[in-house]
């Protein structure tokens, strides 16, 4: 029986595609979260309905963010092991190590944002609007832009690695 080499099903094409799509989803949803939260946080003081709406939207986006960071990690691990000759170069090995450090930082940052948002949900139940607003401000104005900046840096490193 003849063996068919169909380029569309080659792991050399599927893995980079899945990795790039996961990075686009991660950065896009983080940016979406940032813009959405900034829009809804205008004139929000004391409006529990808006706070609950923001938190429910964040939870939905969170599932996609966790899924994309998981896909980034799995496909990144497989892509890093595909070319042993490329990995022998110390410069490229440094790029990969830096990308893994950035991925670990992003994962920890996403987990911390989830923790802050769970504190925000508890603040709604306790009617503590000062802590609620403070948790949202810290998350929206500091941690989400930090995630976007580091994800863009990791994407740049990925392009640099691919071009070597």
N, C-alpha and C. Protein backbone atom coordinates (compact mmCIF):
# COMPACT_ATOMS: atom_id res chain seq x y z
N UNK A 1 0.85 -1.17 0.00
CA UNK A 1 0.00 0.00 0.00
C UNK A 1 0.89 1.24 0.00
N UNK A 2 0.65 2.17 -0.90
CA UNK A 2 1.51 3.36 -0.97
C UNK A 2 1.26 4.28 0.23
N UNK A 3 2.33 4.93 0.63
CA UNK A 3 2.24 5.89 1.74
C UNK A 3 2.02 7.28 1.17
N UNK A 4 1.02 7.96 1.69
CA UNK A 4 0.72 9.30 1.23
C UNK A 4 1.30 10.32 2.19
N UNK A 5 1.93 11.32 1.63
CA UNK A 5 2.48 12.40 2.45
C UNK A 5 1.61 13.64 2.21
N UNK A 6 0.62 13.78 3.05
CA UNK A 6 -0.28 14.92 2.92
C UNK A 6 0.24 16.02 3.83
N UNK A 7 0.61 17.13 3.24
CA UNK A 7 1.25 18.21 3.99
C UNK A 7 0.33 18.83 5.03
N UNK A 8 -0.98 18.74 4.83
CA UNK A 8 -1.90 19.38 5.76
C UNK A 8 -1.97 18.67 7.11
N UNK A 9 -1.59 17.42 7.16
CA UNK A 9 -1.66 16.67 8.41
C UNK A 9 -0.29 16.47 9.04
N UNK A 10 0.69 17.12 8.53
CA UNK A 10 2.04 16.98 9.07
C UNK A 10 2.15 17.70 10.42
N UNK A 11 2.72 17.03 11.43
CA UNK A 11 2.91 17.70 12.72
C UNK A 11 3.80 18.94 12.62
N UNK A 12 4.65 18.97 11.59
CA UNK A 12 5.50 20.14 11.40
C UNK A 12 4.67 21.38 11.03
N UNK A 13 3.44 21.17 10.58
CA UNK A 13 2.56 22.30 10.24
C UNK A 13 1.49 22.51 11.30
N UNK A 14 0.98 21.44 11.87
CA UNK A 14 -0.12 21.55 12.83
C UNK A 14 0.35 22.15 14.15
N UNK A 15 1.50 21.71 14.65
CA UNK A 15 1.98 22.21 15.95
C UNK A 15 2.26 23.71 15.95
N UNK A 16 2.99 24.24 14.96
CA UNK A 16 3.18 25.70 14.97
C UNK A 16 1.86 26.47 14.82
N UNK A 17 0.95 25.92 14.00
CA UNK A 17 -0.34 26.58 13.82
C UNK A 17 -1.12 26.62 15.14
N UNK A 18 -1.18 25.49 15.83
CA UNK A 18 -1.90 25.44 17.12
C UNK A 18 -1.24 26.36 18.13
N UNK A 19 0.09 26.40 18.12
CA UNK A 19 0.82 27.26 19.05
C UNK A 19 0.53 28.74 18.77
N UNK A 20 0.57 29.12 17.52
CA UNK A 20 0.33 30.52 17.15
C UNK A 20 -1.12 30.92 17.45
N UNK A 21 -2.06 30.04 17.16
CA UNK A 21 -3.47 30.33 17.45
C UNK A 21 -3.67 30.49 18.95
N UNK A 22 -3.03 29.64 19.76
CA UNK A 22 -3.16 29.76 21.22
C UNK A 22 -2.57 31.07 21.72
N UNK A 23 -1.46 31.49 21.14
CA UNK A 23 -0.86 32.78 21.53
C UNK A 23 -1.78 33.93 21.14
N UNK A 24 -2.35 33.86 19.95
CA UNK A 24 -3.28 34.91 19.51
C UNK A 24 -4.50 34.96 20.42
N UNK A 25 -5.04 33.80 20.79
CA UNK A 25 -6.19 33.75 21.69
C UNK A 25 -5.82 34.33 23.05
N UNK A 26 -4.64 33.96 23.56
CA UNK A 26 -4.22 34.45 24.88
C UNK A 26 -4.10 35.98 24.87
N UNK A 27 -3.36 36.51 23.91
CA UNK A 27 -3.16 37.96 23.84
C UNK A 27 -4.49 38.67 23.53
N UNK A 28 -5.26 38.12 22.62
CA UNK A 28 -6.53 38.74 22.25
C UNK A 28 -7.52 38.78 23.40
N UNK A 29 -7.63 37.69 24.14
CA UNK A 29 -8.57 37.67 25.26
C UNK A 29 -8.09 38.54 26.41
N UNK A 30 -6.78 38.62 26.60
CA UNK A 30 -6.28 39.52 27.64
C UNK A 30 -6.60 40.97 27.26
N UNK A 31 -6.39 41.31 25.99
CA UNK A 31 -6.70 42.67 25.53
C UNK A 31 -8.20 42.93 25.61
N UNK A 32 -9.00 41.93 25.24
CA UNK A 32 -10.45 42.06 25.33
C UNK A 32 -10.88 42.28 26.77
N UNK A 33 -10.30 41.51 27.67
CA UNK A 33 -10.60 41.66 29.09
C UNK A 33 -10.25 43.06 29.58
N UNK A 34 -9.11 43.55 29.16
CA UNK A 34 -8.66 44.88 29.57
C UNK A 34 -9.62 45.96 29.08
N UNK A 35 -9.96 45.93 27.81
CA UNK A 35 -10.86 46.94 27.25
C UNK A 35 -12.27 46.83 27.83
N UNK A 36 -12.75 45.60 27.99
CA UNK A 36 -14.09 45.41 28.53
C UNK A 36 -14.17 45.91 29.97
N UNK A 37 -13.20 45.56 30.77
CA UNK A 37 -13.23 45.97 32.18
C UNK A 37 -13.09 47.48 32.31
N UNK A 38 -12.23 48.09 31.50
CA UNK A 38 -12.10 49.55 31.57
C UNK A 38 -13.40 50.24 31.17
N UNK A 39 -14.09 49.68 30.18
CA UNK A 39 -15.36 50.26 29.75
C UNK A 39 -16.41 50.16 30.85
N UNK A 40 -16.52 48.98 31.48
CA UNK A 40 -17.55 48.78 32.49
C UNK A 40 -17.21 49.42 33.83
N UNK A 41 -15.94 49.76 34.05
CA UNK A 41 -15.56 50.33 35.34
C UNK A 41 -15.80 51.83 35.41
N UNK A 42 -16.23 52.44 34.31
CA UNK A 42 -16.56 53.86 34.36
C UNK A 42 -17.86 54.03 35.14
N UNK A 43 -17.86 54.93 36.10
CA UNK A 43 -19.05 55.23 36.90
C UNK A 43 -19.69 53.98 37.49
N UNK A 44 -18.88 53.14 38.11
CA UNK A 44 -19.37 51.85 38.60
C UNK A 44 -19.63 51.84 40.11
N UNK A 45 -19.12 52.81 40.84
CA UNK A 45 -19.17 52.79 42.29
C UNK A 45 -20.57 52.47 42.80
N UNK A 46 -20.67 51.38 43.55
CA UNK A 46 -21.91 51.00 44.20
C UNK A 46 -22.90 50.25 43.34
N UNK A 47 -22.64 50.05 42.08
CA UNK A 47 -23.56 49.34 41.19
C UNK A 47 -23.21 47.85 41.18
N UNK A 48 -23.89 47.08 42.03
CA UNK A 48 -23.56 45.65 42.16
C UNK A 48 -23.83 44.89 40.88
N UNK A 49 -24.83 45.30 40.11
CA UNK A 49 -25.13 44.60 38.86
C UNK A 49 -23.97 44.68 37.88
N UNK A 50 -23.34 45.85 37.76
CA UNK A 50 -22.19 45.99 36.87
C UNK A 50 -21.01 45.17 37.37
N UNK A 51 -20.78 45.18 38.69
CA UNK A 51 -19.69 44.37 39.25
C UNK A 51 -19.91 42.89 38.94
N UNK A 52 -21.12 42.41 39.15
CA UNK A 52 -21.41 41.00 38.89
C UNK A 52 -21.30 40.67 37.40
N UNK A 53 -21.68 41.61 36.55
CA UNK A 53 -21.55 41.40 35.11
C UNK A 53 -20.07 41.31 34.72
N UNK A 54 -19.23 42.17 35.27
CA UNK A 54 -17.80 42.12 34.97
C UNK A 54 -17.22 40.79 35.41
N UNK A 55 -17.56 40.35 36.61
CA UNK A 55 -17.00 39.10 37.13
C UNK A 55 -17.47 37.90 36.31
N UNK A 56 -18.73 37.88 35.88
CA UNK A 56 -19.21 36.76 35.06
C UNK A 56 -18.52 36.75 33.70
N UNK A 57 -18.29 37.92 33.12
CA UNK A 57 -17.57 37.99 31.84
C UNK A 57 -16.12 37.54 32.00
N UNK A 58 -15.52 37.94 33.10
CA UNK A 58 -14.13 37.56 33.36
C UNK A 58 -14.01 36.05 33.50
N UNK A 59 -14.97 35.42 34.16
CA UNK A 59 -14.93 33.96 34.31
C UNK A 59 -14.98 33.28 32.95
N UNK A 60 -15.83 33.77 32.07
CA UNK A 60 -15.92 33.17 30.74
C UNK A 60 -14.62 33.33 29.96
N UNK A 61 -14.04 34.51 30.04
CA UNK A 61 -12.76 34.74 29.36
C UNK A 61 -11.65 33.92 30.02
N UNK A 62 -11.75 33.72 31.32
CA UNK A 62 -10.73 32.96 32.05
C UNK A 62 -10.59 31.54 31.55
N UNK A 63 -11.71 30.90 31.19
CA UNK A 63 -11.62 29.53 30.67
C UNK A 63 -10.79 29.49 29.39
N UNK A 64 -11.01 30.43 28.51
CA UNK A 64 -10.24 30.47 27.26
C UNK A 64 -8.78 30.80 27.53
N UNK A 65 -8.53 31.67 28.50
CA UNK A 65 -7.15 32.03 28.83
C UNK A 65 -6.41 30.84 29.40
N UNK A 66 -7.05 30.11 30.33
CA UNK A 66 -6.40 28.92 30.88
C UNK A 66 -6.19 27.85 29.80
N UNK A 67 -7.18 27.68 28.93
CA UNK A 67 -7.03 26.72 27.84
C UNK A 67 -5.90 27.09 26.89
N UNK A 68 -5.82 28.37 26.57
CA UNK A 68 -4.77 28.79 25.64
C UNK A 68 -3.39 28.68 26.26
N UNK A 69 -3.26 28.99 27.55
CA UNK A 69 -1.93 28.89 28.16
C UNK A 69 -1.51 27.42 28.29
N UNK A 70 -2.49 26.52 28.46
CA UNK A 70 -2.19 25.09 28.48
C UNK A 70 -1.73 24.62 27.10
N UNK A 71 -2.43 25.05 26.05
CA UNK A 71 -2.04 24.68 24.68
C UNK A 71 -0.67 25.26 24.34
N UNK A 72 -0.41 26.49 24.77
CA UNK A 72 0.90 27.11 24.53
C UNK A 72 2.00 26.27 25.17
N UNK A 73 1.78 25.82 26.39
CA UNK A 73 2.78 25.02 27.09
C UNK A 73 3.03 23.68 26.42
N UNK A 74 1.95 22.98 26.06
CA UNK A 74 2.08 21.65 25.45
C UNK A 74 2.71 21.75 24.06
N UNK A 75 2.20 22.64 23.23
CA UNK A 75 2.76 22.75 21.88
C UNK A 75 4.17 23.33 21.91
N UNK A 76 4.44 24.23 22.85
CA UNK A 76 5.79 24.77 22.99
C UNK A 76 6.80 23.70 23.35
N UNK A 77 6.37 22.78 24.23
CA UNK A 77 7.26 21.68 24.62
C UNK A 77 7.54 20.78 23.42
N UNK A 78 6.50 20.48 22.65
CA UNK A 78 6.69 19.62 21.47
C UNK A 78 7.52 20.31 20.39
N UNK A 79 7.28 21.60 20.18
CA UNK A 79 8.04 22.33 19.17
C UNK A 79 9.50 22.48 19.57
N UNK A 80 9.77 22.64 20.85
CA UNK A 80 11.14 22.79 21.32
C UNK A 80 11.97 21.53 21.15
N UNK A 81 11.29 20.38 21.15
CA UNK A 81 12.00 19.10 21.03
C UNK A 81 12.06 18.59 19.60
N UNK A 82 11.47 19.31 18.66
CA UNK A 82 11.43 18.83 17.28
C UNK A 82 12.78 18.86 16.59
N UNK A 83 13.58 19.86 16.84
CA UNK A 83 14.81 20.04 16.09
C UNK A 83 15.99 20.03 17.06
N UNK A 84 16.60 18.87 17.24
CA UNK A 84 17.71 18.73 18.19
C UNK A 84 18.95 19.50 17.74
N UNK A 85 19.16 19.62 16.44
CA UNK A 85 20.32 20.36 15.94
C UNK A 85 20.19 21.84 16.27
N UNK A 86 18.98 22.37 16.13
CA UNK A 86 18.74 23.77 16.45
C UNK A 86 18.96 24.03 17.94
N UNK A 87 18.57 23.08 18.77
CA UNK A 87 18.69 23.25 20.22
C UNK A 87 20.13 23.16 20.70
N UNK A 88 21.03 22.69 19.86
CA UNK A 88 22.43 22.61 20.26
C UNK A 88 23.09 23.98 20.28
N UNK A 89 22.54 24.93 19.56
CA UNK A 89 23.06 26.29 19.54
C UNK A 89 22.76 26.96 20.89
N UNK A 90 23.79 27.46 21.59
CA UNK A 90 23.55 28.06 22.91
C UNK A 90 22.63 29.28 22.87
N UNK A 91 22.69 30.06 21.79
CA UNK A 91 21.82 31.23 21.69
C UNK A 91 20.36 30.83 21.59
N UNK A 92 20.09 29.82 20.77
CA UNK A 92 18.71 29.35 20.63
C UNK A 92 18.22 28.67 21.90
N UNK A 93 19.12 27.98 22.57
CA UNK A 93 18.76 27.35 23.84
C UNK A 93 18.40 28.42 24.87
N UNK A 94 19.12 29.54 24.84
CA UNK A 94 18.82 30.66 25.74
C UNK A 94 17.46 31.26 25.41
N UNK A 95 17.14 31.37 24.13
CA UNK A 95 15.82 31.89 23.74
C UNK A 95 14.72 30.97 24.26
N UNK A 96 14.90 29.66 24.09
CA UNK A 96 13.90 28.71 24.59
C UNK A 96 13.76 28.78 26.10
N UNK A 97 14.87 28.88 26.80
CA UNK A 97 14.82 28.98 28.26
C UNK A 97 14.11 30.26 28.69
N UNK A 98 14.38 31.34 28.01
CA UNK A 98 13.71 32.61 28.32
C UNK A 98 12.21 32.50 28.04
N UNK A 99 11.85 31.84 26.94
CA UNK A 99 10.43 31.66 26.64
C UNK A 99 9.75 30.83 27.72
N UNK A 100 10.41 29.80 28.23
CA UNK A 100 9.82 29.00 29.30
C UNK A 100 9.70 29.80 30.59
N UNK A 101 10.67 30.65 30.86
CA UNK A 101 10.58 31.50 32.05
C UNK A 101 9.42 32.48 31.93
N UNK A 102 9.24 33.05 30.74
CA UNK A 102 8.12 33.97 30.52
C UNK A 102 6.80 33.22 30.62
N UNK A 103 6.74 32.00 30.07
CA UNK A 103 5.52 31.20 30.16
C UNK A 103 5.18 30.90 31.62
N UNK A 104 6.19 30.54 32.41
CA UNK A 104 5.97 30.30 33.83
C UNK A 104 5.47 31.54 34.55
N UNK A 105 6.06 32.68 34.21
CA UNK A 105 5.61 33.94 34.80
C UNK A 105 4.17 34.24 34.42
N UNK A 106 3.82 34.04 33.15
CA UNK A 106 2.44 34.27 32.71
C UNK A 106 1.47 33.34 33.42
N UNK A 107 1.86 32.09 33.58
CA UNK A 107 1.00 31.14 34.29
C UNK A 107 0.78 31.58 35.73
N UNK A 108 1.86 31.95 36.41
CA UNK A 108 1.72 32.42 37.79
C UNK A 108 0.89 33.69 37.87
N UNK A 109 1.08 34.58 36.92
CA UNK A 109 0.33 35.82 36.90
C UNK A 109 -1.16 35.57 36.66
N UNK A 110 -1.48 34.64 35.77
CA UNK A 110 -2.89 34.30 35.51
C UNK A 110 -3.51 33.66 36.74
N UNK A 111 -2.77 32.81 37.42
CA UNK A 111 -3.28 32.20 38.66
C UNK A 111 -3.50 33.28 39.72
N UNK A 112 -2.59 34.23 39.82
CA UNK A 112 -2.75 35.31 40.80
C UNK A 112 -3.94 36.20 40.44
N UNK A 113 -4.13 36.48 39.18
CA UNK A 113 -5.29 37.26 38.75
C UNK A 113 -6.58 36.52 39.12
N UNK A 114 -6.58 35.20 38.94
CA UNK A 114 -7.74 34.40 39.33
C UNK A 114 -7.99 34.50 40.83
N UNK A 115 -6.92 34.48 41.62
CA UNK A 115 -7.04 34.63 43.07
C UNK A 115 -7.63 36.00 43.42
N UNK A 116 -7.12 37.05 42.78
CA UNK A 116 -7.64 38.40 43.05
C UNK A 116 -9.12 38.50 42.65
N UNK A 117 -9.48 37.85 41.58
CA UNK A 117 -10.88 37.89 41.15
C UNK A 117 -11.78 37.08 42.07
N UNK A 118 -11.26 36.01 42.65
CA UNK A 118 -12.06 35.28 43.64
C UNK A 118 -12.26 36.13 44.89
N UNK A 119 -11.23 36.91 45.26
CA UNK A 119 -11.39 37.85 46.37
C UNK A 119 -12.42 38.91 46.02
N UNK A 120 -12.46 39.30 44.77
CA UNK A 120 -13.44 40.28 44.31
C UNK A 120 -14.86 39.73 44.44
N UNK A 121 -15.04 38.47 44.06
CA UNK A 121 -16.37 37.85 44.17
C UNK A 121 -16.80 37.76 45.63
N UNK A 122 -15.86 37.46 46.52
CA UNK A 122 -16.19 37.41 47.95
C UNK A 122 -16.52 38.79 48.48
N UNK A 123 -15.88 39.80 47.94
CA UNK A 123 -16.16 41.18 48.37
C UNK A 123 -17.58 41.60 48.00
N UNK A 124 -18.07 41.09 46.88
CA UNK A 124 -19.46 41.39 46.50
C UNK A 124 -20.42 40.79 47.51
N UNK A 125 -20.14 39.55 47.90
CA UNK A 125 -21.02 38.88 48.87
C UNK A 125 -21.00 39.59 50.21
N UNK A 126 -19.85 40.14 50.59
CA UNK A 126 -19.72 40.84 51.87
C UNK A 126 -20.08 42.32 51.77
N UNK A 127 -20.45 42.78 50.60
CA UNK A 127 -20.79 44.19 50.34
C UNK A 127 -19.65 45.14 50.71
N UNK A 128 -18.42 44.69 50.49
CA UNK A 128 -17.23 45.51 50.75
C UNK A 128 -16.77 46.10 49.41
N UNK A 129 -17.36 47.22 49.04
CA UNK A 129 -17.13 47.79 47.72
C UNK A 129 -15.76 48.45 47.57
N UNK A 130 -15.17 48.87 48.68
CA UNK A 130 -13.83 49.46 48.60
C UNK A 130 -12.82 48.39 48.20
N UNK A 131 -12.86 47.23 48.87
CA UNK A 131 -11.94 46.14 48.53
C UNK A 131 -12.25 45.59 47.14
N UNK A 132 -13.51 45.53 46.80
CA UNK A 132 -13.93 45.06 45.49
C UNK A 132 -13.34 45.93 44.38
N UNK A 133 -13.50 47.22 44.51
CA UNK A 133 -12.99 48.15 43.50
C UNK A 133 -11.46 48.11 43.46
N UNK A 134 -10.83 48.01 44.63
CA UNK A 134 -9.36 47.95 44.69
C UNK A 134 -8.84 46.71 43.98
N UNK A 135 -9.47 45.55 44.21
CA UNK A 135 -9.03 44.31 43.54
C UNK A 135 -9.20 44.41 42.03
N UNK A 136 -10.29 45.00 41.58
CA UNK A 136 -10.49 45.15 40.14
C UNK A 136 -9.49 46.13 39.53
N UNK A 137 -9.20 47.21 40.25
CA UNK A 137 -8.24 48.20 39.73
C UNK A 137 -6.86 47.57 39.59
N UNK A 138 -6.42 46.84 40.62
CA UNK A 138 -5.10 46.21 40.57
C UNK A 138 -5.03 45.20 39.43
N UNK A 139 -6.09 44.43 39.27
CA UNK A 139 -6.11 43.42 38.21
C UNK A 139 -6.13 44.06 36.83
N UNK A 140 -7.02 45.01 36.64
CA UNK A 140 -7.23 45.58 35.31
C UNK A 140 -6.09 46.50 34.89
N UNK A 141 -5.61 47.33 35.79
CA UNK A 141 -4.63 48.34 35.39
C UNK A 141 -3.17 47.90 35.53
N UNK A 142 -2.92 46.80 36.25
CA UNK A 142 -1.53 46.38 36.43
C UNK A 142 -1.25 44.99 35.87
N UNK A 143 -2.02 43.99 36.29
CA UNK A 143 -1.67 42.62 35.93
C UNK A 143 -2.03 42.24 34.50
N UNK A 144 -3.16 42.69 34.02
CA UNK A 144 -3.54 42.36 32.64
C UNK A 144 -2.60 43.01 31.63
N UNK A 145 -2.27 44.32 31.75
CA UNK A 145 -1.28 44.88 30.82
C UNK A 145 0.09 44.20 30.92
N UNK A 146 0.45 43.78 32.14
CA UNK A 146 1.71 43.05 32.32
C UNK A 146 1.66 41.73 31.55
N UNK A 147 0.54 41.02 31.62
CA UNK A 147 0.38 39.78 30.85
C UNK A 147 0.51 40.04 29.36
N UNK A 148 -0.12 41.09 28.88
CA UNK A 148 -0.07 41.40 27.45
C UNK A 148 1.36 41.72 27.02
N UNK A 149 2.06 42.52 27.81
CA UNK A 149 3.44 42.90 27.47
C UNK A 149 4.35 41.68 27.44
N UNK A 150 4.25 40.82 28.45
CA UNK A 150 5.11 39.64 28.48
C UNK A 150 4.74 38.64 27.39
N UNK A 151 3.46 38.52 27.06
CA UNK A 151 3.05 37.62 25.98
C UNK A 151 3.57 38.12 24.63
N UNK A 152 3.53 39.43 24.42
CA UNK A 152 4.09 39.98 23.18
C UNK A 152 5.60 39.77 23.12
N UNK A 153 6.28 39.91 24.26
CA UNK A 153 7.72 39.65 24.31
C UNK A 153 8.00 38.19 23.98
N UNK A 154 7.20 37.28 24.52
CA UNK A 154 7.38 35.85 24.23
C UNK A 154 7.10 35.56 22.76
N UNK A 155 6.12 36.24 22.17
CA UNK A 155 5.85 36.06 20.74
C UNK A 155 7.03 36.53 19.91
N UNK A 156 7.63 37.65 20.30
CA UNK A 156 8.82 38.14 19.61
C UNK A 156 9.96 37.12 19.71
N UNK A 157 10.15 36.55 20.89
CA UNK A 157 11.19 35.52 21.05
C UNK A 157 10.89 34.31 20.17
N UNK A 158 9.61 33.96 20.05
CA UNK A 158 9.24 32.83 19.19
C UNK A 158 9.56 33.09 17.73
N UNK A 159 9.30 34.30 17.28
CA UNK A 159 9.64 34.67 15.90
C UNK A 159 11.16 34.65 15.72
N UNK A 160 11.89 35.16 16.71
CA UNK A 160 13.36 35.15 16.64
C UNK A 160 13.89 33.73 16.59
N UNK A 161 13.30 32.85 17.38
CA UNK A 161 13.73 31.45 17.40
C UNK A 161 13.46 30.78 16.06
N UNK A 162 12.32 31.06 15.50
CA UNK A 162 11.93 30.44 14.23
C UNK A 162 12.83 30.90 13.08
N UNK A 163 13.29 32.15 13.13
CA UNK A 163 14.09 32.71 12.04
C UNK A 163 15.55 32.28 12.07
N UNK A 164 16.03 31.71 13.17
CA UNK A 164 17.43 31.29 13.23
C UNK A 164 17.67 30.11 12.34
